[in-house]
Amino acid sequence: MRKNLGNKRNELHEENITSIMNLFNTFQNTDNIKIFDNEDFGYTKVTVERPQQLNFKVDEERLENLYSIPAFNKLIASKKKNPEEKEKGEKEGKQQQNKIIDALKNIPNNLIKSYNEFDKLVTEEIGSFNIITPTFKRNIIEKLSKHDDTAEYIKDSKGKLKPDPNLRDTEKIPLKTDINSYFNKEVKKYYKDAWMDRKKDKIGYEINFTRYFYKYEPPRPLEEIEADIKKVTKEIQELLSENFDDV
């Protein structure tokens, strides 16, 4: 097109349209025609979950992560317009932050691989603070954790495995393929503790023209490529030689 219209960059002329219609009306499998069912283009997008496994530790590196918690940063945020009152509020907030950090430092800094064990230790140290809500405490525990394949599985209140959002993935499974068979062959084979959340299934369609009309073209012989390189190299040397002669 003279000017791109969004993602549209090409224009079909009358002869192109006529040619396409003739191919369509032929309706036979040829090099230029492929006949498919609608389902051949469809897929089920399945969400694959893996269990959450975390280790926990209180050290300087992980304590720095607390500053990425909105509720933690909010402690030093003062809405006072008066400069003196604003400074006072920020100072008190900083003291609260330090109080939380100092309390957490009372926890032994050895690596803990049980969520329940670490949750109990954190609760003992900061559970009595008025500013610590259940959500705030969960955020603190999360920031003091790292993924660990050797750690205990984390379960919810019903005893079910909790999925790790950082390990969540999706698979596009063709509509004509049995989902359970595909999952066992392509996913379970590598991640034995993975499972599918079928409530999140989504049906989609895509047409990949390259896949359906791909024609293999063997690479050029090495001798031919080498000859071209030598030819180009010779031409460059000749051009450089002429330039030096002019100087």
C-alpha atoms as a PDB file:
ATOM      1  CA  MET A   1       0.000   0.000   0.000  1.00  0.00           C
ATOM      2  CA  ARG A   2       1.131   3.583  -0.480  1.00  0.00           C
ATOM      3  CA  LYS A   3       0.573   4.102   3.235  1.00  0.00           C
ATOM      4  CA  ASN A   4       0.342   1.406   5.910  1.00  0.00           C
ATOM      5  CA  LEU A   5      -3.075   1.061   7.504  1.00  0.00           C
ATOM      6  CA  GLY A   6      -2.300  -0.385  10.913  1.00  0.00           C
ATOM      7  CA  ASN A   7      -0.917  -3.866  10.256  1.00  0.00           C
ATOM      8  CA  LYS A   8      -2.192  -3.804   6.684  1.00  0.00           C
ATOM      9  CA  ARG A   9       0.740  -3.267   4.331  1.00  0.00           C
ATOM     10  CA  ASN A  10      -0.347  -5.034   1.145  1.00  0.00           C
ATOM     11  CA  GLU A  11      -3.093  -4.477  -1.396  1.00  0.00           C
ATOM     12  CA  LEU A  12      -4.799  -7.064  -3.621  1.00  0.00           C
ATOM     13  CA  HIS A  13      -5.436  -5.994  -7.207  1.00  0.00           C
ATOM     14  CA  GLU A  14      -8.286  -7.336  -9.329  1.00  0.00           C
ATOM     15  CA  GLU A  15      -6.114  -9.958 -11.006  1.00  0.00           C
ATOM     16  CA  ASN A  16      -4.887 -11.184  -7.589  1.00  0.00           C
ATOM     17  CA  ILE A  17      -8.454 -11.547  -6.340  1.00  0.00           C
ATOM     18  CA  THR A  18      -9.483 -13.431  -9.493  1.00  0.00           C
ATOM     19  CA  SER A  19      -6.511 -15.792  -9.135  1.00  0.00           C
ATOM     20  CA  ILE A  20      -7.354 -16.501  -5.489  1.00  0.00           C
ATOM     21  CA  MET A  21     -11.020 -17.151  -6.306  1.00  0.00           C
ATOM     22  CA  ASN A  22     -10.052 -19.589  -9.062  1.00  0.00           C
ATOM     23  CA  LEU A  23      -7.845 -21.498  -6.608  1.00  0.00           C
ATOM     24  CA  PHE A  24     -10.649 -21.514  -4.042  1.00  0.00           C
ATOM     25  CA  ASN A  25     -13.204 -22.863  -6.501  1.00  0.00           C
ATOM     26  CA  THR A  26     -10.808 -25.633  -7.551  1.00  0.00           C
ATOM     27  CA  PHE A  27     -11.061 -27.062  -4.021  1.00  0.00           C
ATOM     28  CA  GLN A  28      -8.405 -29.734  -4.419  1.00  0.00           C
ATOM     29  CA  ASN A  29      -5.216 -30.316  -2.470  1.00  0.00           C
ATOM     30  CA  THR A  30      -2.327 -28.951  -4.522  1.00  0.00           C
ATOM     31  CA  ASP A  31       0.926 -27.116  -3.828  1.00  0.00           C
ATOM     32  CA  ASN A  32      -1.052 -23.881  -3.573  1.00  0.00           C
ATOM     33  CA  ILE A  33      -4.227 -25.264  -1.994  1.00  0.00           C
ATOM     34  CA  LYS A  34      -4.602 -27.006   1.382  1.00  0.00           C
ATOM     35  CA  ILE A  35      -7.964 -28.183   2.664  1.00  0.00           C
ATOM     36  CA  PHE A  36      -8.552 -28.337   6.424  1.00  0.00           C
ATOM     37  CA  ASP A  37     -11.381 -28.685   8.912  1.00  0.00           C
ATOM     38  CA  ASN A  38     -12.064 -25.649  11.093  1.00  0.00           C
ATOM     39  CA  GLU A  39     -10.812 -27.621  14.108  1.00  0.00           C
ATOM     40  CA  ASP A  40      -7.413 -28.069  12.442  1.00  0.00           C
ATOM     41  CA  PHE A  41      -6.728 -24.400  13.210  1.00  0.00           C
ATOM     42  CA  GLY A  42      -8.081 -24.491  16.767  1.00  0.00           C
ATOM     43  CA  TYR A  43      -6.383 -25.131  20.084  1.00  0.00           C
ATOM     44  CA  THR A  44      -7.162 -25.212  23.771  1.00  0.00           C
ATOM     45  CA  LYS A  45      -4.934 -22.931  25.804  1.00  0.00           C
ATOM     46  CA  VAL A  46      -4.443 -24.835  29.050  1.00  0.00           C
ATOM     47  CA  THR A  47      -2.956 -23.319  32.208  1.00  0.00           C
ATOM     48  CA  VAL A  48      -0.257 -25.495  33.775  1.00  0.00           C
ATOM     49  CA  GLU A  49       0.434 -25.075  37.465  1.00  0.00           C
ATOM     50  CA  ARG A  50       3.365 -26.221  39.575  1.00  0.00           C
ATOM     51  CA  PRO A  51       3.405 -26.335  43.377  1.00  0.00           C
ATOM     52  CA  GLN A  52       4.935 -23.579  45.437  1.00  0.00           C
ATOM     53  CA  GLN A  53       8.164 -24.573  47.172  1.00  0.00           C
ATOM     54  CA  LEU A  54      10.057 -21.878  49.055  1.00  0.00           C
ATOM     55  CA  ASN A  55      12.919 -21.550  51.458  1.00  0.00           C
ATOM     56  CA  PHE A  56      13.075 -18.709  53.960  1.00  0.00           C
ATOM     57  CA  LYS A  57      15.893 -16.771  55.528  1.00  0.00           C
ATOM     58  CA  VAL A  58      16.374 -13.476  57.340  1.00  0.00           C
ATOM     59  CA  ASP A  59      19.513 -11.788  56.046  1.00  0.00           C
ATOM     60  CA  GLU A  60      20.463  -8.317  54.815  1.00  0.00           C
ATOM     61  CA  GLU A  61      19.839  -9.179  51.169  1.00  0.00           C
ATOM     62  CA  ARG A  62      16.291 -10.424  51.709  1.00  0.00           C
ATOM     63  CA  LEU A  63      15.439  -7.726  54.244  1.00  0.00           C
ATOM     64  CA  GLU A  64      16.076  -5.177  51.493  1.00  0.00           C
ATOM     65  CA  ASN A  65      13.122  -6.715  49.649  1.00  0.00           C
ATOM     66  CA  LEU A  66      10.775  -5.364  52.328  1.00  0.00           C
ATOM     67  CA  TYR A  67      11.094  -1.894  50.804  1.00  0.00           C
ATOM     68  CA  SER A  68       9.192  -3.145  47.743  1.00  0.00           C
ATOM     69  CA  ILE A  69       6.108  -3.825  49.887  1.00  0.00           C
ATOM     70  CA  PRO A  70       3.603  -0.937  49.501  1.00  0.00           C
ATOM     71  CA  ALA A  71       2.411  -1.246  53.106  1.00  0.00           C
ATOM     72  CA  PHE A  72       6.013  -1.088  54.348  1.00  0.00           C
ATOM     73  CA  ASN A  73       6.804   2.037  52.325  1.00  0.00           C
ATOM     74  CA  LYS A  74       3.529   3.614  53.347  1.00  0.00           C
ATOM     75  CA  LEU A  75       4.784   3.773  56.919  1.00  0.00           C
ATOM     76  CA  ILE A  76       7.093   6.695  56.078  1.00  0.00           C
ATOM     77  CA  ALA A  77       4.596   8.457  53.830  1.00  0.00           C
ATOM     78  CA  SER A  78       3.089  11.464  55.591  1.00  0.00           C
ATOM     79  CA  LYS A  79       0.131  13.435  54.207  1.00  0.00           C
ATOM     80  CA  LYS A  80       0.794  16.380  56.491  1.00  0.00           C
ATOM     81  CA  LYS A  81       1.314  19.657  54.647  1.00  0.00           C
ATOM     82  CA  ASN A  82       3.098  21.325  57.513  1.00  0.00           C
ATOM     83  CA  PRO A  83       6.848  20.678  56.975  1.00  0.00           C
ATOM     84  CA  GLU A  84       7.537  20.034  60.653  1.00  0.00           C
ATOM     85  CA  GLU A  85       4.579  17.679  61.060  1.00  0.00           C
ATOM     86  CA  LYS A  86       5.484  15.923  57.797  1.00  0.00           C
ATOM     87  CA  GLU A  87       9.074  15.401  58.960  1.00  0.00           C
ATOM     88  CA  LYS A  88       7.851  14.132  62.309  1.00  0.00           C
ATOM     89  CA  GLY A  89       5.489  11.652  60.654  1.00  0.00           C
ATOM     90  CA  GLU A  90       8.205  10.353  58.343  1.00  0.00           C
ATOM     91  CA  LYS A  91      10.589   9.975  61.271  1.00  0.00           C
ATOM     92  CA  GLU A  92       8.029   7.974  63.244  1.00  0.00           C
ATOM     93  CA  GLY A  93       7.366   5.816  60.174  1.00  0.00           C
ATOM     94  CA  LYS A  94      11.070   5.107  59.772  1.00  0.00           C
ATOM     95  CA  GLN A  95      11.215   4.069  63.413  1.00  0.00           C
ATOM     96  CA  GLN A  96       8.355   1.626  62.780  1.00  0.00           C
ATOM     97  CA  GLN A  97      10.212   0.176  59.793  1.00  0.00           C
ATOM     98  CA  ASN A  98      13.358  -0.282  61.872  1.00  0.00           C
ATOM     99  CA  LYS A  99      11.318  -1.853  64.654  1.00  0.00           C
ATOM    100  CA  ILE A 100       9.940  -4.457  62.232  1.00  0.00           C
ATOM    101  CA  ILE A 101      13.391  -5.186  60.792  1.00  0.00           C
ATOM    102  CA  ASP A 102      14.995  -5.467  64.239  1.00  0.00           C
ATOM    103  CA  ALA A 103      12.261  -7.860  65.348  1.00  0.00           C
ATOM    104  CA  LEU A 104      12.755 -10.035  62.272  1.00  0.00           C
ATOM    105  CA  LYS A 105      16.491 -10.156  62.947  1.00  0.00           C
ATOM    106  CA  ASN A 106      15.694 -12.065  66.132  1.00  0.00           C
ATOM    107  CA  ILE A 107      14.806 -15.019  63.920  1.00  0.00           C
ATOM    108  CA  PRO A 108      17.822 -17.342  63.415  1.00  0.00           C
ATOM    109  CA  ASN A 109      19.267 -16.674  59.962  1.00  0.00           C
ATOM    110  CA  ASN A 110      19.578 -20.334  59.010  1.00  0.00           C
ATOM    111  CA  LEU A 111      17.754 -21.566  55.912  1.00  0.00           C
ATOM    112  CA  ILE A 112      14.217 -22.782  56.663  1.00  0.00           C
ATOM    113  CA  LYS A 113      12.335 -24.939  54.141  1.00  0.00           C
ATOM    114  CA  SER A 114       8.967 -25.115  55.875  1.00  0.00           C
ATOM    115  CA  TYR A 115       6.405 -22.341  55.402  1.00  0.00           C
ATOM    116  CA  ASN A 116       4.511 -23.214  58.580  1.00  0.00           C
ATOM    117  CA  GLU A 117       7.690 -23.190  60.635  1.00  0.00           C
ATOM    118  CA  PHE A 118       8.779 -19.795  59.295  1.00  0.00           C
ATOM    119  CA  ASP A 119       5.279 -18.351  59.580  1.00  0.00           C
ATOM    120  CA  LYS A 120       5.248 -19.299  63.262  1.00  0.00           C
ATOM    121  CA  LEU A 121       8.617 -17.605  63.862  1.00  0.00           C
ATOM    122  CA  VAL A 122       7.519 -14.413  62.087  1.00  0.00           C
ATOM    123  CA  THR A 123       4.250 -14.339  64.030  1.00  0.00           C
ATOM    124  CA  GLU A 124       6.113 -14.672  67.314  1.00  0.00           C
ATOM    125  CA  GLU A 125       8.279 -11.652  66.499  1.00  0.00           C
ATOM    126  CA  ILE A 126       5.911  -9.191  64.780  1.00  0.00           C
ATOM    127  CA  GLY A 127       2.436 -10.677  65.212  1.00  0.00           C
ATOM    128  CA  SER A 128       1.648  -8.353  68.119  1.00  0.00           C
ATOM    129  CA  PHE A 129       2.427  -5.173  66.149  1.00  0.00           C
ATOM    130  CA  ASN A 130      -0.794  -3.238  65.530  1.00  0.00           C
ATOM    131  CA  ILE A 131       0.323  -2.208  62.054  1.00  0.00           C
ATOM    132  CA  ILE A 132       0.881  -5.811  60.885  1.00  0.00           C
ATOM    133  CA  THR A 133      -2.226  -7.084  59.102  1.00  0.00           C
ATOM    134  CA  PRO A 134      -2.491 -10.692  57.827  1.00  0.00           C
ATOM    135  CA  THR A 135      -1.840  -9.483  54.277  1.00  0.00           C
ATOM    136  CA  PHE A 136       1.136  -7.391  55.415  1.00  0.00           C
ATOM    137  CA  LYS A 137       2.603 -10.424  57.197  1.00  0.00           C
ATOM    138  CA  ARG A 138       2.160 -12.642  54.117  1.00  0.00           C
ATOM    139  CA  ASN A 139       3.934 -10.027  52.024  1.00  0.00           C
ATOM    140  CA  ILE A 140       6.835  -9.944  54.476  1.00  0.00           C
ATOM    141  CA  ILE A 141       7.150 -13.730  54.414  1.00  0.00           C
ATOM    142  CA  GLU A 142       7.057 -13.715  50.619  1.00  0.00           C
ATOM    143  CA  LYS A 143       9.868 -11.131  50.403  1.00  0.00           C
ATOM    144  CA  LEU A 144      12.039 -13.256  52.677  1.00  0.00           C
ATOM    145  CA  SER A 145      11.616 -16.322  50.469  1.00  0.00           C
ATOM    146  CA  LYS A 146      13.140 -17.879  47.365  1.00  0.00           C
ATOM    147  CA  HIS A 147      12.050 -20.771  45.165  1.00  0.00           C
ATOM    148  CA  ASP A 148      13.603 -24.066  46.216  1.00  0.00           C
ATOM    149  CA  ASP A 149      12.839 -27.432  44.577  1.00  0.00           C
ATOM    150  CA  THR A 150      13.984 -29.192  47.753  1.00  0.00           C
ATOM    151  CA  ALA A 151      11.658 -27.278  50.086  1.00  0.00           C
ATOM    152  CA  GLU A 152       8.352 -28.550  51.462  1.00  0.00           C
ATOM    153  CA  TYR A 153       5.223 -28.114  49.375  1.00  0.00           C
ATOM    154  CA  ILE A 154       3.094 -25.198  50.558  1.00  0.00           C
ATOM    155  CA  LYS A 155      -0.583 -26.023  51.085  1.00  0.00           C
ATOM    156  CA  ASP A 156      -3.674 -23.899  51.625  1.00  0.00           C
ATOM    157  CA  SER A 157      -6.138 -24.137  54.514  1.00  0.00           C
ATOM    158  CA  LYS A 158      -7.893 -27.058  52.773  1.00  0.00           C
ATOM    159  CA  GLY A 159      -4.677 -29.031  52.424  1.00  0.00           C
ATOM    160  CA  LYS A 160      -4.396 -28.488  48.676  1.00  0.00           C
ATOM    161  CA  LEU A 161      -1.106 -27.625  47.002  1.00  0.00           C
ATOM    162  CA  LYS A 162      -0.713 -23.905  46.388  1.00  0.00           C
ATOM    163  CA  PRO A 163       0.362 -23.029  42.834  1.00  0.00           C
ATOM    164  CA  ASP A 164       3.431 -20.889  42.318  1.00  0.00           C
ATOM    165  CA  PRO A 165       2.453 -17.924  40.093  1.00  0.00           C
ATOM    166  CA  ASN A 166       6.088 -17.530  39.024  1.00  0.00           C
ATOM    167  CA  LEU A 167       6.131 -21.059  37.604  1.00  0.00           C
ATOM    168  CA  ARG A 168       2.721 -20.836  35.925  1.00  0.00           C
ATOM    169  CA  ASP A 169       2.772 -21.636  32.206  1.00  0.00           C
ATOM    170  CA  THR A 170       0.369 -22.378  29.358  1.00  0.00           C
ATOM    171  CA  GLU A 171       0.216 -24.997  26.622  1.00  0.00           C
ATOM    172  CA  LYS A 172      -1.602 -24.656  23.298  1.00  0.00           C
ATOM    173  CA  ILE A 173      -3.038 -28.099  22.597  1.00  0.00           C
ATOM    174  CA  PRO A 174      -4.654 -28.778  19.170  1.00  0.00           C
ATOM    175  CA  LEU A 175      -8.414 -29.341  19.386  1.00  0.00           C
ATOM    176  CA  LYS A 176      -8.093 -32.759  17.777  1.00  0.00           C
ATOM    177  CA  THR A 177      -5.497 -33.870  20.362  1.00  0.00           C
ATOM    178  CA  ASP A 178      -6.523 -35.512  23.623  1.00  0.00           C
ATOM    179  CA  ILE A 179      -5.576 -33.011  26.320  1.00  0.00           C
ATOM    180  CA  ASN A 180      -4.770 -35.546  29.035  1.00  0.00           C
ATOM    181  CA  SER A 181      -2.566 -37.622  26.735  1.00  0.00           C
ATOM    182  CA  TYR A 182      -0.729 -34.507  25.558  1.00  0.00           C
ATOM    183  CA  PHE A 183      -0.251 -33.317  29.147  1.00  0.00           C
ATOM    184  CA  ASN A 184       1.156 -36.652  30.317  1.00  0.00           C
ATOM    185  CA  LYS A 185       3.529 -36.861  27.358  1.00  0.00           C
ATOM    186  CA  GLU A 186       4.704 -33.248  27.036  1.00  0.00           C
ATOM    187  CA  VAL A 187       4.474 -31.894  30.593  1.00  0.00           C
ATOM    188  CA  LYS A 188       4.208 -34.629  33.222  1.00  0.00           C
ATOM    189  CA  LYS A 189       7.230 -36.293  31.692  1.00  0.00           C
ATOM    190  CA  TYR A 190       9.363 -33.345  32.825  1.00  0.00           C
ATOM    191  CA  TYR A 191       7.404 -31.996  35.823  1.00  0.00           C
ATOM    192  CA  LYS A 192       5.831 -34.886  37.725  1.00  0.00           C
ATOM    193  CA  ASP A 193       4.131 -32.601  40.282  1.00  0.00           C
ATOM    194  CA  ALA A 194       2.478 -30.318  37.700  1.00  0.00           C
ATOM    195  CA  TRP A 195      -1.262 -30.157  37.123  1.00  0.00           C
ATOM    196  CA  MET A 196      -3.755 -28.411  34.850  1.00  0.00           C
ATOM    197  CA  ASP A 197      -6.230 -25.767  35.976  1.00  0.00           C
ATOM    198  CA  ARG A 198      -8.983 -26.625  33.495  1.00  0.00           C
ATOM    199  CA  LYS A 199     -11.211 -23.808  34.782  1.00  0.00           C
ATOM    200  CA  LYS A 200      -8.919 -21.405  32.923  1.00  0.00           C
ATOM    201  CA  ASP A 201      -9.165 -23.182  29.550  1.00  0.00           C
ATOM    202  CA  LYS A 202      -9.492 -20.898  26.522  1.00  0.00           C
ATOM    203  CA  ILE A 203     -10.276 -21.882  22.941  1.00  0.00           C
ATOM    204  CA  GLY A 204      -8.386 -20.055  20.208  1.00  0.00           C
ATOM    205  CA  TYR A 205      -7.652 -20.299  16.491  1.00  0.00           C
ATOM    206  CA  GLU A 206      -4.604 -19.379  14.439  1.00  0.00           C
ATOM    207  CA  ILE A 207      -3.590 -19.923  10.827  1.00  0.00           C
ATOM    208  CA  ASN A 208       0.133 -20.393  10.287  1.00  0.00           C
ATOM    209  CA  PHE A 209       0.632 -20.162   6.523  1.00  0.00           C
ATOM    210  CA  THR A 210       4.351 -20.901   6.782  1.00  0.00           C
ATOM    211  CA  ARG A 211       3.645 -24.216   8.515  1.00  0.00           C
ATOM    212  CA  TYR A 212       1.129 -25.380   5.918  1.00  0.00           C
ATOM    213  CA  PHE A 213       2.915 -24.173   2.787  1.00  0.00           C
ATOM    214  CA  TYR A 214       6.527 -24.565   3.841  1.00  0.00           C
ATOM    215  CA  LYS A 215       8.853 -25.943   1.171  1.00  0.00           C
ATOM    216  CA  TYR A 216      12.265 -27.140   2.166  1.00  0.00           C
ATOM    217  CA  GLU A 217      15.088 -25.515   0.266  1.00  0.00           C
ATOM    218  CA  PRO A 218      18.490 -27.134   0.804  1.00  0.00           C
ATOM    219  CA  PRO A 219      21.286 -24.730   1.737  1.00  0.00           C
ATOM    220  CA  ARG A 220      23.768 -23.693  -0.916  1.00  0.00           C
ATOM    221  CA  PRO A 221      26.862 -25.902  -1.245  1.00  0.00           C
ATOM    222  CA  LEU A 222      29.778 -24.752   0.916  1.00  0.00           C
ATOM    223  CA  GLU A 223      32.000 -24.546  -2.147  1.00  0.00           C
ATOM    224  CA  GLU A 224      29.617 -22.059  -3.772  1.00  0.00           C
ATOM    225  CA  ILE A 225      29.435 -19.928  -0.622  1.00  0.00           C
ATOM    226  CA  GLU A 226      33.231 -20.009  -0.269  1.00  0.00           C
ATOM    227  CA  ALA A 227      33.661 -18.924  -3.896  1.00  0.00           C
ATOM    228  CA  ASP A 228      31.315 -15.964  -3.356  1.00  0.00           C
ATOM    229  CA  ILE A 229      33.232 -14.909  -0.254  1.00  0.00           C
ATOM    230  CA  LYS A 230      36.524 -15.019  -2.113  1.00  0.00           C
ATOM    231  CA  LYS A 231      35.030 -13.004  -4.967  1.00  0.00           C
ATOM    232  CA  VAL A 232      33.688 -10.298  -2.644  1.00  0.00           C
ATOM    233  CA  THR A 233      36.971 -10.213  -0.697  1.00  0.00           C
ATOM    234  CA  LYS A 234      38.913  -9.733  -3.934  1.00  0.00           C
ATOM    235  CA  GLU A 235      36.611  -6.883  -4.999  1.00  0.00           C
ATOM    236  CA  ILE A 236      37.081  -5.135  -1.637  1.00  0.00           C
ATOM    237  CA  GLN A 237      40.865  -5.478  -1.877  1.00  0.00           C
ATOM    238  CA  GLU A 238      40.823  -3.998  -5.378  1.00  0.00           C
ATOM    239  CA  LEU A 239      38.701  -1.036  -4.231  1.00  0.00           C
ATOM    240  CA  LEU A 240      41.037  -0.414  -1.285  1.00  0.00           C
ATOM    241  CA  SER A 241      44.038  -0.630  -3.572  1.00  0.00           C
ATOM    242  CA  GLU A 242      42.539   1.975  -5.938  1.00  0.00           C
ATOM    243  CA  ASN A 243      41.821   4.324  -3.071  1.00  0.00           C
ATOM    244  CA  PHE A 244      45.390   4.085  -1.791  1.00  0.00           C
ATOM    245  CA  ASP A 245      46.737   4.733  -5.312  1.00  0.00           C
ATOM    246  CA  ASP A 246      44.643   7.939  -5.500  1.00  0.00           C
ATOM    247  CA  VAL A 247      46.147   9.156  -2.237  1.00  0.00           C
END
